[in-house]
ModelCIF file with pLDDT and N, C-alpha, C, O atoms, coordinates in Angstrom:
data_MODEL
#
_entry.id   MODEL 
#
_entity.id                         1 
_entity.type                       polymer 
_entity.pdbx_number_of_molecules   1 
#
_entity_poly.entity_id                      1 
_entity_poly.type                           'polypeptide(L)' 
_entity_poly.nstd_linkage                   no 
_entity_poly.nstd_monomer                   no 
_entity_poly.pdbx_seq_one_letter_code       GVSIFLRVFATMGLLWLGTAEASDQVAGKL 
_entity_poly.pdbx_seq_one_letter_code_can   GVSIFLRVFATMGLLWLGTAEASDQVAGKL 
_entity_poly.pdbx_strand_id                 A 
#
loop_
_entity_poly_seq.entity_id 
_entity_poly_seq.num 
_entity_poly_seq.mon_id 
_entity_poly_seq.hetero 
1 1  GLY n 
1 2  VAL n 
1 3  SER n 
1 4  ILE n 
1 5  PHE n 
1 6  LEU n 
1 7  ARG n 
1 8  VAL n 
1 9  PHE n 
1 10 ALA n 
1 11 THR n 
1 12 MET n 
1 13 GLY n 
1 14 LEU n 
1 15 LEU n 
1 16 TRP n 
1 17 LEU n 
1 18 GLY n 
1 19 THR n 
1 20 ALA n 
1 21 GLU n 
1 22 ALA n 
1 23 SER n 
1 24 ASP n 
1 25 GLN n 
1 26 VAL n 
1 27 ALA n 
1 28 GLY n 
1 29 LYS n 
1 30 LEU n 
#
_struct_asym.id          A 
_struct_asym.entity_id   1 
#
loop_
_ma_qa_metric.id 
_ma_qa_metric.mode 
_ma_qa_metric.name 
_ma_qa_metric.software_group_id 
_ma_qa_metric.type 
1 global pLDDT . pLDDT 
2 local  pLDDT . pLDDT 
#
_ma_qa_metric_global.metric_id      1 
_ma_qa_metric_global.metric_value   82.10 
_ma_qa_metric_global.model_id       1 
_ma_qa_metric_global.ordinal_id     1 
#
loop_
_ma_qa_metric_local.label_asym_id 
_ma_qa_metric_local.label_comp_id 
_ma_qa_metric_local.label_seq_id 
_ma_qa_metric_local.metric_id 
_ma_qa_metric_local.metric_value 
_ma_qa_metric_local.model_id 
_ma_qa_metric_local.ordinal_id 
A GLY 1  2 93.00 1 1  
A VAL 2  2 94.00 1 2  
A SER 3  2 93.00 1 3  
A ILE 4  2 92.00 1 4  
A PHE 5  2 94.00 1 5  
A LEU 6  2 93.00 1 6  
A ARG 7  2 91.00 1 7  
A VAL 8  2 92.00 1 8  
A PHE 9  2 92.00 1 9  
A ALA 10 2 91.00 1 10 
A THR 11 2 90.00 1 11 
A MET 12 2 91.00 1 12 
A GLY 13 2 89.00 1 13 
A LEU 14 2 88.00 1 14 
A LEU 15 2 88.00 1 15 
A TRP 16 2 87.00 1 16 
A LEU 17 2 85.00 1 17 
A GLY 18 2 82.00 1 18 
A THR 19 2 79.00 1 19 
A ALA 20 2 72.00 1 20 
A GLU 21 2 69.00 1 21 
A ALA 22 2 60.00 1 22 
A SER 23 2 58.00 1 23 
A ASP 24 2 52.00 1 24 
A GLN 25 2 66.00 1 25 
A VAL 26 2 71.00 1 26 
A ALA 27 2 72.00 1 27 
A GLY 28 2 77.00 1 28 
A LYS 29 2 80.00 1 29 
A LEU 30 2 82.00 1 30 
#
loop_
_atom_site.group_PDB 
_atom_site.id 
_atom_site.type_symbol 
_atom_site.label_atom_id 
_atom_site.label_alt_id 
_atom_site.label_comp_id 
_atom_site.label_asym_id 
_atom_site.label_entity_id 
_atom_site.label_seq_id 
_atom_site.pdbx_PDB_ins_code 
_atom_site.Cartn_x 
_atom_site.Cartn_y 
_atom_site.Cartn_z 
_atom_site.occupancy 
_atom_site.B_iso_or_equiv 
_atom_site.pdbx_formal_charge 
_atom_site.auth_seq_id 
_atom_site.auth_comp_id 
_atom_site.auth_asym_id 
_atom_site.auth_atom_id 
_atom_site.pdbx_PDB_model_num 
ATOM 1   N N  . GLY A 1 1  ? 16.098  18.054 4.761  1.00 93.00 ? 1  GLY A N  1 
ATOM 2   C CA . GLY A 1 1  ? 15.278  17.741 5.841  1.00 93.00 ? 1  GLY A CA 1 
ATOM 3   C C  . GLY A 1 1  ? 13.904  18.086 5.915  1.00 93.00 ? 1  GLY A C  1 
ATOM 4   O O  . GLY A 1 1  ? 12.977  17.284 6.027  1.00 93.00 ? 1  GLY A O  1 
ATOM 5   N N  . VAL A 1 2  ? 13.814  19.442 5.838  1.00 94.00 ? 2  VAL A N  1 
ATOM 6   C CA . VAL A 1 2  ? 12.407  19.998 5.848  1.00 94.00 ? 2  VAL A CA 1 
ATOM 7   C C  . VAL A 1 2  ? 11.539  19.273 4.816  1.00 94.00 ? 2  VAL A C  1 
ATOM 8   O O  . VAL A 1 2  ? 10.470  18.744 5.121  1.00 94.00 ? 2  VAL A O  1 
ATOM 9   N N  . SER A 1 3  ? 11.944  19.274 3.841  1.00 93.00 ? 3  SER A N  1 
ATOM 10  C CA . SER A 1 3  ? 11.137  18.667 2.608  1.00 93.00 ? 3  SER A CA 1 
ATOM 11  C C  . SER A 1 3  ? 10.618  17.193 2.956  1.00 93.00 ? 3  SER A C  1 
ATOM 12  O O  . SER A 1 3  ? 9.454   16.823 2.803  1.00 93.00 ? 3  SER A O  1 
ATOM 13  N N  . ILE A 1 4  ? 11.717  16.377 3.471  1.00 92.00 ? 4  ILE A N  1 
ATOM 14  C CA . ILE A 1 4  ? 11.358  15.027 3.812  1.00 92.00 ? 4  ILE A CA 1 
ATOM 15  C C  . ILE A 1 4  ? 10.339  14.985 5.100  1.00 92.00 ? 4  ILE A C  1 
ATOM 16  O O  . ILE A 1 4  ? 9.541   14.061 5.257  1.00 92.00 ? 4  ILE A O  1 
ATOM 17  N N  . PHE A 1 5  ? 10.461  16.101 6.008  1.00 94.00 ? 5  PHE A N  1 
ATOM 18  C CA . PHE A 1 5  ? 9.485   16.189 7.053  1.00 94.00 ? 5  PHE A CA 1 
ATOM 19  C C  . PHE A 1 5  ? 8.032   16.335 6.571  1.00 94.00 ? 5  PHE A C  1 
ATOM 20  O O  . PHE A 1 5  ? 7.101   15.690 7.054  1.00 94.00 ? 5  PHE A O  1 
ATOM 21  N N  . LEU A 1 6  ? 7.896   17.371 5.429  1.00 93.00 ? 6  LEU A N  1 
ATOM 22  C CA . LEU A 1 6  ? 6.564   17.724 4.987  1.00 93.00 ? 6  LEU A CA 1 
ATOM 23  C C  . LEU A 1 6  ? 6.039   16.602 4.200  1.00 93.00 ? 6  LEU A C  1 
ATOM 24  O O  . LEU A 1 6  ? 4.818   16.567 4.047  1.00 93.00 ? 6  LEU A O  1 
ATOM 25  N N  . ARG A 1 7  ? 6.905   15.492 3.572  1.00 91.00 ? 7  ARG A N  1 
ATOM 26  C CA . ARG A 1 7  ? 6.367   14.479 3.038  1.00 91.00 ? 7  ARG A CA 1 
ATOM 27  C C  . ARG A 1 7  ? 5.705   13.633 4.159  1.00 91.00 ? 7  ARG A C  1 
ATOM 28  O O  . ARG A 1 7  ? 4.664   13.045 3.865  1.00 91.00 ? 7  ARG A O  1 
ATOM 29  N N  . VAL A 1 8  ? 6.183   13.518 5.356  1.00 92.00 ? 8  VAL A N  1 
ATOM 30  C CA . VAL A 1 8  ? 5.776   12.803 6.194  1.00 92.00 ? 8  VAL A CA 1 
ATOM 31  C C  . VAL A 1 8  ? 4.401   13.223 6.836  1.00 92.00 ? 8  VAL A C  1 
ATOM 32  O O  . VAL A 1 8  ? 3.503   12.423 7.102  1.00 92.00 ? 8  VAL A O  1 
ATOM 33  N N  . PHE A 1 9  ? 4.352   14.600 7.054  1.00 92.00 ? 9  PHE A N  1 
ATOM 34  C CA . PHE A 1 9  ? 3.015   15.192 7.400  1.00 92.00 ? 9  PHE A CA 1 
ATOM 35  C C  . PHE A 1 9  ? 2.220   15.014 6.252  1.00 92.00 ? 9  PHE A C  1 
ATOM 36  O O  . PHE A 1 9  ? 1.071   14.680 6.541  1.00 92.00 ? 9  PHE A O  1 
ATOM 37  N N  . ALA A 1 10 ? 2.447   15.125 5.034  1.00 91.00 ? 10 ALA A N  1 
ATOM 38  C CA . ALA A 1 10 ? 1.306   14.940 4.044  1.00 91.00 ? 10 ALA A CA 1 
ATOM 39  C C  . ALA A 1 10 ? 0.749   13.486 4.333  1.00 91.00 ? 10 ALA A C  1 
ATOM 40  O O  . ALA A 1 10 ? -0.459  13.263 4.423  1.00 91.00 ? 10 ALA A O  1 
ATOM 41  N N  . THR A 1 11 ? 1.758   12.480 4.475  1.00 90.00 ? 11 THR A N  1 
ATOM 42  C CA . THR A 1 11 ? 1.274   11.006 4.628  1.00 90.00 ? 11 THR A CA 1 
ATOM 43  C C  . THR A 1 11 ? 0.292   10.962 5.789  1.00 90.00 ? 11 THR A C  1 
ATOM 44  O O  . THR A 1 11 ? -0.779  10.368 5.667  1.00 90.00 ? 11 THR A O  1 
ATOM 45  N N  . MET A 1 12 ? 0.675   11.643 7.029  1.00 91.00 ? 12 MET A N  1 
ATOM 46  C CA . MET A 1 12 ? -0.098  11.756 8.256  1.00 91.00 ? 12 MET A CA 1 
ATOM 47  C C  . MET A 1 12 ? -1.456  12.235 7.799  1.00 91.00 ? 12 MET A C  1 
ATOM 48  O O  . MET A 1 12 ? -2.458  11.649 8.207  1.00 91.00 ? 12 MET A O  1 
ATOM 49  N N  . GLY A 1 13 ? -1.556  13.305 6.945  1.00 89.00 ? 13 GLY A N  1 
ATOM 50  C CA . GLY A 1 13 ? -2.603  14.099 6.452  1.00 89.00 ? 13 GLY A CA 1 
ATOM 51  C C  . GLY A 1 13 ? -3.724  12.874 5.745  1.00 89.00 ? 13 GLY A C  1 
ATOM 52  O O  . GLY A 1 13 ? -4.908  12.723 6.044  1.00 89.00 ? 13 GLY A O  1 
ATOM 53  N N  . LEU A 1 14 ? -2.998  12.171 4.832  1.00 88.00 ? 14 LEU A N  1 
ATOM 54  C CA . LEU A 1 14 ? -3.785  10.971 4.026  1.00 88.00 ? 14 LEU A CA 1 
ATOM 55  C C  . LEU A 1 14 ? -4.220  10.015 4.902  1.00 88.00 ? 14 LEU A C  1 
ATOM 56  O O  . LEU A 1 14 ? -5.340  9.543  4.707  1.00 88.00 ? 14 LEU A O  1 
ATOM 57  N N  . LEU A 1 15 ? -3.487  9.585  5.937  1.00 88.00 ? 15 LEU A N  1 
ATOM 58  C CA . LEU A 1 15 ? -4.000  8.633  6.722  1.00 88.00 ? 15 LEU A CA 1 
ATOM 59  C C  . LEU A 1 15 ? -5.210  9.043  7.454  1.00 88.00 ? 15 LEU A C  1 
ATOM 60  O O  . LEU A 1 15 ? -6.164  8.291  7.652  1.00 88.00 ? 15 LEU A O  1 
ATOM 61  N N  . TRP A 1 16 ? -5.132  10.320 7.866  1.00 87.00 ? 16 TRP A N  1 
ATOM 62  C CA . TRP A 1 16 ? -6.200  10.946 8.655  1.00 87.00 ? 16 TRP A CA 1 
ATOM 63  C C  . TRP A 1 16 ? -7.394  10.967 7.868  1.00 87.00 ? 16 TRP A C  1 
ATOM 64  O O  . TRP A 1 16 ? -8.461  10.493 8.258  1.00 87.00 ? 16 TRP A O  1 
ATOM 65  N N  . LEU A 1 17 ? -7.212  11.522 6.751  1.00 85.00 ? 17 LEU A N  1 
ATOM 66  C CA . LEU A 1 17 ? -8.420  11.398 5.652  1.00 85.00 ? 17 LEU A CA 1 
ATOM 67  C C  . LEU A 1 17 ? -8.922  10.143 5.443  1.00 85.00 ? 17 LEU A C  1 
ATOM 68  O O  . LEU A 1 17 ? -10.148 10.037 5.391  1.00 85.00 ? 17 LEU A O  1 
ATOM 69  N N  . GLY A 1 18 ? -8.071  8.930  5.281  1.00 82.00 ? 18 GLY A N  1 
ATOM 70  C CA . GLY A 1 18 ? -8.677  7.786  5.289  1.00 82.00 ? 18 GLY A CA 1 
ATOM 71  C C  . GLY A 1 18 ? -9.421  6.967  6.432  1.00 82.00 ? 18 GLY A C  1 
ATOM 72  O O  . GLY A 1 18 ? -10.031 5.902  6.329  1.00 82.00 ? 18 GLY A O  1 
ATOM 73  N N  . THR A 1 19 ? -9.209  7.732  7.504  1.00 79.00 ? 19 THR A N  1 
ATOM 74  C CA . THR A 1 19 ? -9.621  7.178  8.696  1.00 79.00 ? 19 THR A CA 1 
ATOM 75  C C  . THR A 1 19 ? -10.957 8.065  9.353  1.00 79.00 ? 19 THR A C  1 
ATOM 76  O O  . THR A 1 19 ? -11.661 7.648  10.273 1.00 79.00 ? 19 THR A O  1 
ATOM 77  N N  . ALA A 1 20 ? -11.116 9.312  8.691  1.00 72.00 ? 20 ALA A N  1 
ATOM 78  C CA . ALA A 1 20 ? -12.005 10.219 9.074  1.00 72.00 ? 20 ALA A CA 1 
ATOM 79  C C  . ALA A 1 20 ? -13.437 9.712  8.900  1.00 72.00 ? 20 ALA A C  1 
ATOM 80  O O  . ALA A 1 20 ? -13.790 8.871  8.073  1.00 72.00 ? 20 ALA A O  1 
ATOM 81  N N  . GLU A 1 21 ? -14.212 10.334 9.790  1.00 69.00 ? 21 GLU A N  1 
ATOM 82  C CA . GLU A 1 21 ? -15.738 9.770  9.445  1.00 69.00 ? 21 GLU A CA 1 
ATOM 83  C C  . GLU A 1 21 ? -16.183 10.202 8.043  1.00 69.00 ? 21 GLU A C  1 
ATOM 84  O O  . GLU A 1 21 ? -15.706 11.199 7.499  1.00 69.00 ? 21 GLU A O  1 
ATOM 85  N N  . ALA A 1 22 ? -17.119 9.416  7.471  1.00 60.00 ? 22 ALA A N  1 
ATOM 86  C CA . ALA A 1 22 ? -17.488 9.618  6.093  1.00 60.00 ? 22 ALA A CA 1 
ATOM 87  C C  . ALA A 1 22 ? -18.540 10.815 6.368  1.00 60.00 ? 22 ALA A C  1 
ATOM 88  O O  . ALA A 1 22 ? -19.338 10.822 7.305  1.00 60.00 ? 22 ALA A O  1 
ATOM 89  N N  . SER A 1 23 ? -18.412 11.769 5.448  1.00 58.00 ? 23 SER A N  1 
ATOM 90  C CA . SER A 1 23 ? -19.471 13.018 5.366  1.00 58.00 ? 23 SER A CA 1 
ATOM 91  C C  . SER A 1 23 ? -19.806 13.080 4.098  1.00 58.00 ? 23 SER A C  1 
ATOM 92  O O  . SER A 1 23 ? -19.397 12.394 3.161  1.00 58.00 ? 23 SER A O  1 
ATOM 93  N N  . ASP A 1 24 ? -20.776 14.170 4.117  1.00 52.00 ? 24 ASP A N  1 
ATOM 94  C CA . ASP A 1 24 ? -21.070 14.714 2.557  1.00 52.00 ? 24 ASP A CA 1 
ATOM 95  C C  . ASP A 1 24 ? -20.135 15.560 2.006  1.00 52.00 ? 24 ASP A C  1 
ATOM 96  O O  . ASP A 1 24 ? -20.455 16.253 1.040  1.00 52.00 ? 24 ASP A O  1 
ATOM 97  N N  . GLN A 1 25 ? -19.229 15.600 2.390  1.00 66.00 ? 25 GLN A N  1 
ATOM 98  C CA . GLN A 1 25 ? -18.028 16.563 1.763  1.00 66.00 ? 25 GLN A CA 1 
ATOM 99  C C  . GLN A 1 25 ? -17.007 15.615 1.190  1.00 66.00 ? 25 GLN A C  1 
ATOM 100 O O  . GLN A 1 25 ? -15.848 16.022 1.274  1.00 66.00 ? 25 GLN A O  1 
ATOM 101 N N  . VAL A 1 26 ? -17.180 14.475 0.644  1.00 71.00 ? 26 VAL A N  1 
ATOM 102 C CA . VAL A 1 26 ? -16.281 13.674 0.017  1.00 71.00 ? 26 VAL A CA 1 
ATOM 103 C C  . VAL A 1 26 ? -15.603 14.262 -0.948 1.00 71.00 ? 26 VAL A C  1 
ATOM 104 O O  . VAL A 1 26 ? -14.399 14.016 -1.030 1.00 71.00 ? 26 VAL A O  1 
ATOM 105 N N  . ALA A 1 27 ? -16.205 15.134 -1.855 1.00 72.00 ? 27 ALA A N  1 
ATOM 106 C CA . ALA A 1 27 ? -15.498 15.873 -2.960 1.00 72.00 ? 27 ALA A CA 1 
ATOM 107 C C  . ALA A 1 27 ? -14.141 16.734 -2.538 1.00 72.00 ? 27 ALA A C  1 
ATOM 108 O O  . ALA A 1 27 ? -13.019 16.718 -3.045 1.00 72.00 ? 27 ALA A O  1 
ATOM 109 N N  . GLY A 1 28 ? -14.657 17.475 -1.439 1.00 77.00 ? 28 GLY A N  1 
ATOM 110 C CA . GLY A 1 28 ? -13.528 18.150 -0.804 1.00 77.00 ? 28 GLY A CA 1 
ATOM 111 C C  . GLY A 1 28 ? -12.492 17.383 -0.130 1.00 77.00 ? 28 GLY A C  1 
ATOM 112 O O  . GLY A 1 28 ? -11.336 17.803 -0.092 1.00 77.00 ? 28 GLY A O  1 
ATOM 113 N N  . LYS A 1 29 ? -12.828 16.319 0.388  1.00 80.00 ? 29 LYS A N  1 
ATOM 114 C CA . LYS A 1 29 ? -11.967 15.246 0.738  1.00 80.00 ? 29 LYS A CA 1 
ATOM 115 C C  . LYS A 1 29 ? -10.905 14.911 -0.023 1.00 80.00 ? 29 LYS A C  1 
ATOM 116 O O  . LYS A 1 29 ? -9.713  15.001 0.271  1.00 80.00 ? 29 LYS A O  1 
ATOM 117 N N  . LEU A 1 30 ? -11.550 14.403 -1.310 1.00 82.00 ? 30 LEU A N  1 
ATOM 118 C CA . LEU A 1 30 ? -10.754 13.668 -2.512 1.00 82.00 ? 30 LEU A CA 1 
ATOM 119 C C  . LEU A 1 30 ? -9.854  14.992 -2.972 1.00 82.00 ? 30 LEU A C  1 
ATOM 120 O O  . LEU A 1 30 ? -9.057  14.902 -3.906 1.00 82.00 ? 30 LEU A O  1 
#
C-alpha cells in the first residue's frame, strides 16, 4: 500500500512539474 501511495505522490509531482512556471532551471526540472 505504501509503495502504491508513493507512485501516486510521484505522479502528483510530475503533474506539478508540468504545470509549474517555466524558468531557467529546465535541466533540473527534467
